[in-house]
Amino acid sequence: MQSDTRKLLTTGTTIFLTGAIAAALMLTVFGGVSKQGPHNNGGWLCLMLAMGCLPTGLLTLFLALAKLLGELTRRD
């Protein structure tokens, strides 16, 4: 595994986990979500963080996995 692939995997995982933790905190610690949105400012902040981090982290992970798959098929 090349160092840039490892860096992509680490970065994608970190960003995705940050979004997942923010979403979990929004739903549990910060009072949940109703039809109008989160109940307090911390919930809104977690919502914005999750909305940014989850898609970005997922796309970065897909890129890293595609790069890893390409490296593995090129080696054989």
PDB file of N, CA and C in Angstrom:
ATOM      1  N   MET A   1       0.847  -1.170   0.000  1.00  0.00           N
ATOM      2  CA  MET A   1       0.000   0.000   0.000  1.00  0.00           C
ATOM      3  C   MET A   1       0.901   1.243   0.000  1.00  0.00           C
ATOM      4  N   GLN A   2       0.619   2.139  -0.913  1.00  0.00           N
ATOM      5  CA  GLN A   2       1.401   3.362  -0.997  1.00  0.00           C
ATOM      6  C   GLN A   2       1.008   4.331   0.120  1.00  0.00           C
ATOM      7  N   SER A   3       1.893   5.253   0.411  1.00  0.00           N
ATOM      8  CA  SER A   3       1.642   6.167   1.532  1.00  0.00           C
ATOM      9  C   SER A   3       0.467   7.095   1.246  1.00  0.00           C
ATOM     10  N   ASP A   4       0.268   7.487  -0.019  1.00  0.00           N
ATOM     11  CA  ASP A   4      -0.862   8.361  -0.316  1.00  0.00           C
ATOM     12  C   ASP A   4      -2.192   7.621  -0.191  1.00  0.00           C
ATOM     13  N   THR A   5      -2.203   6.327  -0.479  1.00  0.00           N
ATOM     14  CA  THR A   5      -3.421   5.538  -0.288  1.00  0.00           C
ATOM     15  C   THR A   5      -3.744   5.419   1.197  1.00  0.00           C
ATOM     16  N   ARG A   6      -2.739   5.191   1.996  1.00  0.00           N
ATOM     17  CA  ARG A   6      -2.936   5.108   3.446  1.00  0.00           C
ATOM     18  C   ARG A   6      -3.450   6.442   3.994  1.00  0.00           C
ATOM     19  N   LYS A   7      -2.919   7.537   3.470  1.00  0.00           N
ATOM     20  CA  LYS A   7      -3.353   8.860   3.914  1.00  0.00           C
ATOM     21  C   LYS A   7      -4.811   9.115   3.514  1.00  0.00           C
ATOM     22  N   LEU A   8      -5.200   8.701   2.309  1.00  0.00           N
ATOM     23  CA  LEU A   8      -6.586   8.840   1.877  1.00  0.00           C
ATOM     24  C   LEU A   8      -7.526   8.014   2.764  1.00  0.00           C
ATOM     25  N   LEU A   9      -7.131   6.792   3.071  1.00  0.00           N
ATOM     26  CA  LEU A   9      -7.958   5.945   3.934  1.00  0.00           C
ATOM     27  C   LEU A   9      -8.101   6.548   5.330  1.00  0.00           C
ATOM     28  N   THR A  10      -7.013   7.046   5.874  1.00  0.00           N
ATOM     29  CA  THR A  10      -7.042   7.651   7.205  1.00  0.00           C
ATOM     30  C   THR A  10      -7.907   8.911   7.217  1.00  0.00           C
ATOM     31  N   THR A  11      -7.721   9.761   6.215  1.00  0.00           N
ATOM     32  CA  THR A  11      -8.481  11.000   6.146  1.00  0.00           C
ATOM     33  C   THR A  11      -9.966  10.729   5.942  1.00  0.00           C
ATOM     34  N   GLY A  12     -10.298   9.831   5.026  1.00  0.00           N
ATOM     35  CA  GLY A  12     -11.700   9.497   4.776  1.00  0.00           C
ATOM     36  C   GLY A  12     -12.376   8.904   5.990  1.00  0.00           C
ATOM     37  N   THR A  13     -11.682   8.026   6.669  1.00  0.00           N
ATOM     38  CA  THR A  13     -12.246   7.423   7.876  1.00  0.00           C
ATOM     39  C   THR A  13     -12.444   8.461   8.970  1.00  0.00           C
ATOM     40  N   THR A  14     -11.481   9.343   9.141  1.00  0.00           N
ATOM     41  CA  THR A  14     -11.586  10.377  10.169  1.00  0.00           C
ATOM     42  C   THR A  14     -12.749  11.321   9.894  1.00  0.00           C
ATOM     43  N   ILE A  15     -12.870  11.767   8.656  1.00  0.00           N
ATOM     44  CA  ILE A  15     -13.957  12.683   8.301  1.00  0.00           C
ATOM     45  C   ILE A  15     -15.309  11.994   8.466  1.00  0.00           C
ATOM     46  N   PHE A  16     -15.415  10.749   7.998  1.00  0.00           N
ATOM     47  CA  PHE A  16     -16.684  10.034   8.095  1.00  0.00           C
ATOM     48  C   PHE A  16     -17.065   9.777   9.551  1.00  0.00           C
ATOM     49  N   LEU A  17     -16.108   9.361  10.368  1.00  0.00           N
ATOM     50  CA  LEU A  17     -16.412   9.109  11.781  1.00  0.00           C
ATOM     51  C   LEU A  17     -16.777  10.390  12.518  1.00  0.00           C
ATOM     52  N   THR A  18     -16.177  11.514  12.146  1.00  0.00           N
ATOM     53  CA  THR A  18     -16.550  12.792  12.738  1.00  0.00           C
ATOM     54  C   THR A  18     -18.015  13.105  12.448  1.00  0.00           C
ATOM     55  N   GLY A  19     -18.432  12.887  11.217  1.00  0.00           N
ATOM     56  CA  GLY A  19     -19.836  13.110  10.859  1.00  0.00           C
ATOM     57  C   GLY A  19     -20.778  12.155  11.558  1.00  0.00           C
ATOM     58  N   ALA A  20     -20.375  10.893  11.676  1.00  0.00           N
ATOM     59  CA  ALA A  20     -21.223   9.913  12.351  1.00  0.00           C
ATOM     60  C   ALA A  20     -21.372  10.226  13.838  1.00  0.00           C
ATOM     61  N   ILE A  21     -20.289  10.643  14.468  1.00  0.00           N
ATOM     62  CA  ILE A  21     -20.357  11.015  15.890  1.00  0.00           C
ATOM     63  C   ILE A  21     -21.216  12.256  16.066  1.00  0.00           C
ATOM     64  N   ALA A  22     -21.081  13.224  15.155  1.00  0.00           N
ATOM     65  CA  ALA A  22     -21.903  14.438  15.239  1.00  0.00           C
ATOM     66  C   ALA A  22     -23.384  14.100  15.081  1.00  0.00           C
ATOM     67  N   ALA A  23     -23.713  13.198  14.169  1.00  0.00           N
ATOM     68  CA  ALA A  23     -25.111  12.800  13.980  1.00  0.00           C
ATOM     69  C   ALA A  23     -25.639  12.084  15.216  1.00  0.00           C
ATOM     70  N   ALA A  24     -24.827  11.213  15.796  1.00  0.00           N
ATOM     71  CA  ALA A  24     -25.261  10.503  17.000  1.00  0.00           C
ATOM     72  C   ALA A  24     -25.449  11.463  18.169  1.00  0.00           C
ATOM     73  N   LEU A  25     -24.550  12.428  18.312  1.00  0.00           N
ATOM     74  CA  LEU A  25     -24.693  13.420  19.383  1.00  0.00           C
ATOM     75  C   LEU A  25     -25.943  14.272  19.176  1.00  0.00           C
ATOM     76  N   MET A  26     -26.216  14.633  17.937  1.00  0.00           N
ATOM     77  CA  MET A  26     -27.396  15.431  17.646  1.00  0.00           C
ATOM     78  C   MET A  26     -28.670  14.698  18.050  1.00  0.00           C
ATOM     79  N   LEU A  27     -28.703  13.403  17.802  1.00  0.00           N
ATOM     80  CA  LEU A  27     -29.909  12.623  18.087  1.00  0.00           C
ATOM     81  C   LEU A  27     -30.051  12.265  19.557  1.00  0.00           C
ATOM     82  N   THR A  28     -28.946  12.228  20.289  1.00  0.00           N
ATOM     83  CA  THR A  28     -29.020  11.780  21.681  1.00  0.00           C
ATOM     84  C   THR A  28     -28.765  12.904  22.678  1.00  0.00           C
ATOM     85  N   VAL A  29     -27.584  13.436  22.700  1.00  0.00           N
ATOM     86  CA  VAL A  29     -27.176  14.395  23.725  1.00  0.00           C
ATOM     87  C   VAL A  29     -27.856  15.749  23.550  1.00  0.00           C
ATOM     88  N   PHE A  30     -28.011  16.205  22.305  1.00  0.00           N
ATOM     89  CA  PHE A  30     -28.520  17.549  22.058  1.00  0.00           C
ATOM     90  C   PHE A  30     -30.028  17.597  21.832  1.00  0.00           C
ATOM     91  N   GLY A  31     -30.762  16.659  22.326  1.00  0.00           N
ATOM     92  CA  GLY A  31     -32.212  16.753  22.379  1.00  0.00           C
ATOM     93  C   GLY A  31     -32.986  16.204  21.209  1.00  0.00           C
ATOM     94  N   GLY A  32     -32.342  15.605  20.252  1.00  0.00           N
ATOM     95  CA  GLY A  32     -33.071  14.997  19.160  1.00  0.00           C
ATOM     96  C   GLY A  32     -33.466  15.993  18.080  1.00  0.00           C
ATOM     97  N   VAL A  33     -34.303  15.509  17.151  1.00  0.00           N
ATOM     98  CA  VAL A  33     -34.719  16.299  15.999  1.00  0.00           C
ATOM     99  C   VAL A  33     -36.232  16.154  15.831  1.00  0.00           C
ATOM    100  N   SER A  34     -36.896  17.275  15.588  1.00  0.00           N
ATOM    101  CA  SER A  34     -38.329  17.247  15.304  1.00  0.00           C
ATOM    102  C   SER A  34     -38.543  17.644  13.838  1.00  0.00           C
ATOM    103  N   LYS A  35     -39.795  17.908  13.463  1.00  0.00           N
ATOM    104  CA  LYS A  35     -40.085  18.318  12.090  1.00  0.00           C
ATOM    105  C   LYS A  35     -39.421  19.651  11.748  1.00  0.00           C
ATOM    106  N   GLN A  36     -39.246  20.506  12.755  1.00  0.00           N
ATOM    107  CA  GLN A  36     -38.641  21.810  12.518  1.00  0.00           C
ATOM    108  C   GLN A  36     -37.111  21.771  12.605  1.00  0.00           C
ATOM    109  N   GLY A  37     -36.533  20.658  12.970  1.00  0.00           N
ATOM    110  CA  GLY A  37     -35.085  20.532  13.069  1.00  0.00           C
ATOM    111  C   GLY A  37     -34.656  20.261  14.496  1.00  0.00           C
ATOM    112  N   PRO A  38     -33.372  20.354  14.762  1.00  0.00           N
ATOM    113  CA  PRO A  38     -32.855  20.127  16.120  1.00  0.00           C
ATOM    114  C   PRO A  38     -33.434  21.129  17.116  1.00  0.00           C
ATOM    115  N   HIS A  39     -33.378  20.773  18.380  1.00  0.00           N
ATOM    116  CA  HIS A  39     -34.030  21.564  19.421  1.00  0.00           C
ATOM    117  C   HIS A  39     -33.179  22.699  19.969  1.00  0.00           C
ATOM    118  N   ASN A  40     -31.875  22.685  19.771  1.00  0.00           N
ATOM    119  CA  ASN A  40     -31.033  23.746  20.325  1.00  0.00           C
ATOM    120  C   ASN A  40     -29.858  24.034  19.396  1.00  0.00           C
ATOM    121  N   ASN A  41     -29.055  25.025  19.766  1.00  0.00           N
ATOM    122  CA  ASN A  41     -27.948  25.453  18.909  1.00  0.00           C
ATOM    123  C   ASN A  41     -26.900  24.367  18.714  1.00  0.00           C
ATOM    124  N   GLY A  42     -26.624  23.596  19.760  1.00  0.00           N
ATOM    125  CA  GLY A  42     -25.661  22.504  19.628  1.00  0.00           C
ATOM    126  C   GLY A  42     -26.140  21.446  18.637  1.00  0.00           C
ATOM    127  N   GLY A  43     -27.430  21.196  18.648  1.00  0.00           N
ATOM    128  CA  GLY A  43     -27.996  20.242  17.690  1.00  0.00           C
ATOM    129  C   GLY A  43     -27.862  20.730  16.259  1.00  0.00           C
ATOM    130  N   TRP A  44     -28.099  22.036  16.049  1.00  0.00           N
ATOM    131  CA  TRP A  44     -27.932  22.598  14.709  1.00  0.00           C
ATOM    132  C   TRP A  44     -26.481  22.531  14.252  1.00  0.00           C
ATOM    133  N   LEU A  45     -25.565  22.797  15.155  1.00  0.00           N
ATOM    134  CA  LEU A  45     -24.151  22.717  14.817  1.00  0.00           C
ATOM    135  C   LEU A  45     -23.771  21.283  14.430  1.00  0.00           C
ATOM    136  N   CYS A  46     -24.267  20.318  15.191  1.00  0.00           N
ATOM    137  CA  CYS A  46     -23.987  18.917  14.872  1.00  0.00           C
ATOM    138  C   CYS A  46     -24.618  18.516  13.539  1.00  0.00           C
ATOM    139  N   LEU A  47     -25.814  19.051  13.246  1.00  0.00           N
ATOM    140  CA  LEU A  47     -26.462  18.758  11.972  1.00  0.00           C
ATOM    141  C   LEU A  47     -25.624  19.276  10.805  1.00  0.00           C
ATOM    142  N   MET A  48     -25.141  20.501  10.914  1.00  0.00           N
ATOM    143  CA  MET A  48     -24.311  21.074   9.847  1.00  0.00           C
ATOM    144  C   MET A  48     -23.003  20.296   9.686  1.00  0.00           C
ATOM    145  N   LEU A  49     -22.422  19.907  10.798  1.00  0.00           N
ATOM    146  CA  LEU A  49     -21.187  19.121  10.755  1.00  0.00           C
ATOM    147  C   LEU A  49     -21.432  17.765  10.098  1.00  0.00           C
ATOM    148  N   ALA A  50     -22.524  17.112  10.465  1.00  0.00           N
ATOM    149  CA  ALA A  50     -22.841  15.808   9.879  1.00  0.00           C
ATOM    150  C   ALA A  50     -23.152  15.933   8.394  1.00  0.00           C
ATOM    151  N   MET A  51     -23.872  16.989   8.012  1.00  0.00           N
ATOM    152  CA  MET A  51     -24.210  17.175   6.597  1.00  0.00           C
ATOM    153  C   MET A  51     -22.985  17.443   5.739  1.00  0.00           C
ATOM    154  N   GLY A  52     -21.956  18.006   6.325  1.00  0.00           N
ATOM    155  CA  GLY A  52     -20.728  18.233   5.572  1.00  0.00           C
ATOM    156  C   GLY A  52     -19.789  17.047   5.589  1.00  0.00           C
ATOM    157  N   CYS A  53     -19.667  16.409   6.746  1.00  0.00           N
ATOM    158  CA  CYS A  53     -18.661  15.356   6.910  1.00  0.00           C
ATOM    159  C   CYS A  53     -19.083  14.004   6.336  1.00  0.00           C
ATOM    160  N   LEU A  54     -20.338  13.641   6.457  1.00  0.00           N
ATOM    161  CA  LEU A  54     -20.739  12.306   6.007  1.00  0.00           C
ATOM    162  C   LEU A  54     -20.555  12.111   4.494  1.00  0.00           C
ATOM    163  N   PRO A  55     -21.061  13.002   3.640  1.00  0.00           N
ATOM    164  CA  PRO A  55     -20.827  12.777   2.207  1.00  0.00           C
ATOM    165  C   PRO A  55     -19.363  12.927   1.802  1.00  0.00           C
ATOM    166  N   THR A  56     -18.678  13.902   2.383  1.00  0.00           N
ATOM    167  CA  THR A  56     -17.270  14.111   2.041  1.00  0.00           C
ATOM    168  C   THR A  56     -16.426  12.916   2.467  1.00  0.00           C
ATOM    169  N   GLY A  57     -16.653  12.428   3.674  1.00  0.00           N
ATOM    170  CA  GLY A  57     -15.910  11.273   4.155  1.00  0.00           C
ATOM    171  C   GLY A  57     -16.195  10.026   3.347  1.00  0.00           C
ATOM    172  N   LEU A  58     -17.466   9.844   2.969  1.00  0.00           N
ATOM    173  CA  LEU A  58     -17.833   8.664   2.180  1.00  0.00           C
ATOM    174  C   LEU A  58     -17.184   8.703   0.802  1.00  0.00           C
ATOM    175  N   LEU A  59     -17.202   9.864   0.161  1.00  0.00           N
ATOM    176  CA  LEU A  59     -16.563   9.976  -1.151  1.00  0.00           C
ATOM    177  C   LEU A  59     -15.047   9.789  -1.056  1.00  0.00           C
ATOM    178  N   THR A  60     -14.438  10.296  -0.003  1.00  0.00           N
ATOM    179  CA  THR A  60     -13.002  10.103   0.182  1.00  0.00           C
ATOM    180  C   THR A  60     -12.682   8.628   0.415  1.00  0.00           C
ATOM    181  N   LEU A  61     -13.531   7.955   1.183  1.00  0.00           N
ATOM    182  CA  LEU A  61     -13.325   6.513   1.395  1.00  0.00           C
ATOM    183  C   LEU A  61     -13.496   5.727   0.097  1.00  0.00           C
ATOM    184  N   PHE A  62     -14.487   6.077  -0.721  1.00  0.00           N
ATOM    185  CA  PHE A  62     -14.657   5.399  -2.014  1.00  0.00           C
ATOM    186  C   PHE A  62     -13.437   5.606  -2.900  1.00  0.00           C
ATOM    187  N   LEU A  63     -12.905   6.821  -2.914  1.00  0.00           N
ATOM    188  CA  LEU A  63     -11.702   7.097  -3.695  1.00  0.00           C
ATOM    189  C   LEU A  63     -10.529   6.263  -3.193  1.00  0.00           C
ATOM    190  N   ALA A  64     -10.361   6.186  -1.880  1.00  0.00           N
ATOM    191  CA  ALA A  64      -9.257   5.414  -1.310  1.00  0.00           C
ATOM    192  C   ALA A  64      -9.412   3.925  -1.597  1.00  0.00           C
ATOM    193  N   LEU A  65     -10.632   3.413  -1.498  1.00  0.00           N
ATOM    194  CA  LEU A  65     -10.848   1.991  -1.775  1.00  0.00           C
ATOM    195  C   LEU A  65     -10.633   1.674  -3.252  1.00  0.00           C
ATOM    196  N   ALA A  66     -11.037   2.574  -4.143  1.00  0.00           N
ATOM    197  CA  ALA A  66     -10.789   2.363  -5.570  1.00  0.00           C
ATOM    198  C   ALA A  66      -9.289   2.391  -5.861  1.00  0.00           C
ATOM    199  N   LYS A  67      -8.572   3.298  -5.225  1.00  0.00           N
ATOM    200  CA  LYS A  67      -7.122   3.367  -5.397  1.00  0.00           C
ATOM    201  C   LYS A  67      -6.454   2.112  -4.852  1.00  0.00           C
ATOM    202  N   LEU A  68      -6.914   1.639  -3.707  1.00  0.00           N
ATOM    203  CA  LEU A  68      -6.365   0.411  -3.129  1.00  0.00           C
ATOM    204  C   LEU A  68      -6.644  -0.787  -4.026  1.00  0.00           C
ATOM    205  N   LEU A  69      -7.840  -0.881  -4.559  1.00  0.00           N
ATOM    206  CA  LEU A  69      -8.187  -1.970  -5.468  1.00  0.00           C
ATOM    207  C   LEU A  69      -7.335  -1.914  -6.729  1.00  0.00           C
ATOM    208  N   GLY A  70      -7.111  -0.713  -7.251  1.00  0.00           N
ATOM    209  CA  GLY A  70      -6.248  -0.560  -8.422  1.00  0.00           C
ATOM    210  C   GLY A  70      -4.825  -0.984  -8.138  1.00  0.00           C
ATOM    211  N   GLU A  71      -4.323  -0.654  -6.972  1.00  0.00           N
ATOM    212  CA  GLU A  71      -2.967  -1.066  -6.608  1.00  0.00           C
ATOM    213  C   GLU A  71      -2.867  -2.583  -6.483  1.00  0.00           C
ATOM    214  N   LEU A  72      -3.888  -3.201  -5.892  1.00  0.00           N
ATOM    215  CA  LEU A  72      -3.848  -4.656  -5.718  1.00  0.00           C
ATOM    216  C   LEU A  72      -3.929  -5.389  -7.039  1.00  0.00           C
ATOM    217  N   THR A  73      -4.741  -4.892  -7.976  1.00  0.00           N
ATOM    218  CA  THR A  73      -4.840  -5.571  -9.273  1.00  0.00           C
ATOM    219  C   THR A  73      -3.606  -5.330 -10.121  1.00  0.00           C
ATOM    220  N   ARG A  74      -2.944  -4.191  -9.952  1.00  0.00           N
ATOM    221  CA  ARG A  74      -1.723  -3.915 -10.708  1.00  0.00           C
ATOM    222  C   ARG A  74      -0.556  -4.762 -10.227  1.00  0.00           C
ATOM    223  N   ARG A  75      -0.546  -5.120  -8.956  1.00  0.00           N
ATOM    224  CA  ARG A  75       0.551  -5.918  -8.400  1.00  0.00           C
ATOM    225  C   ARG A  75       0.535  -7.347  -8.915  1.00  0.00           C
ATOM    226  N   ASP A  76      -0.650  -7.898  -9.084  1.00  0.00           N
ATOM    227  CA  ASP A  76      -0.749  -9.318  -9.468  1.00  0.00           C
ATOM    228  C   ASP A  76      -0.508  -9.568 -10.913  1.00  0.00           C
TER     229      ASP A  76
END
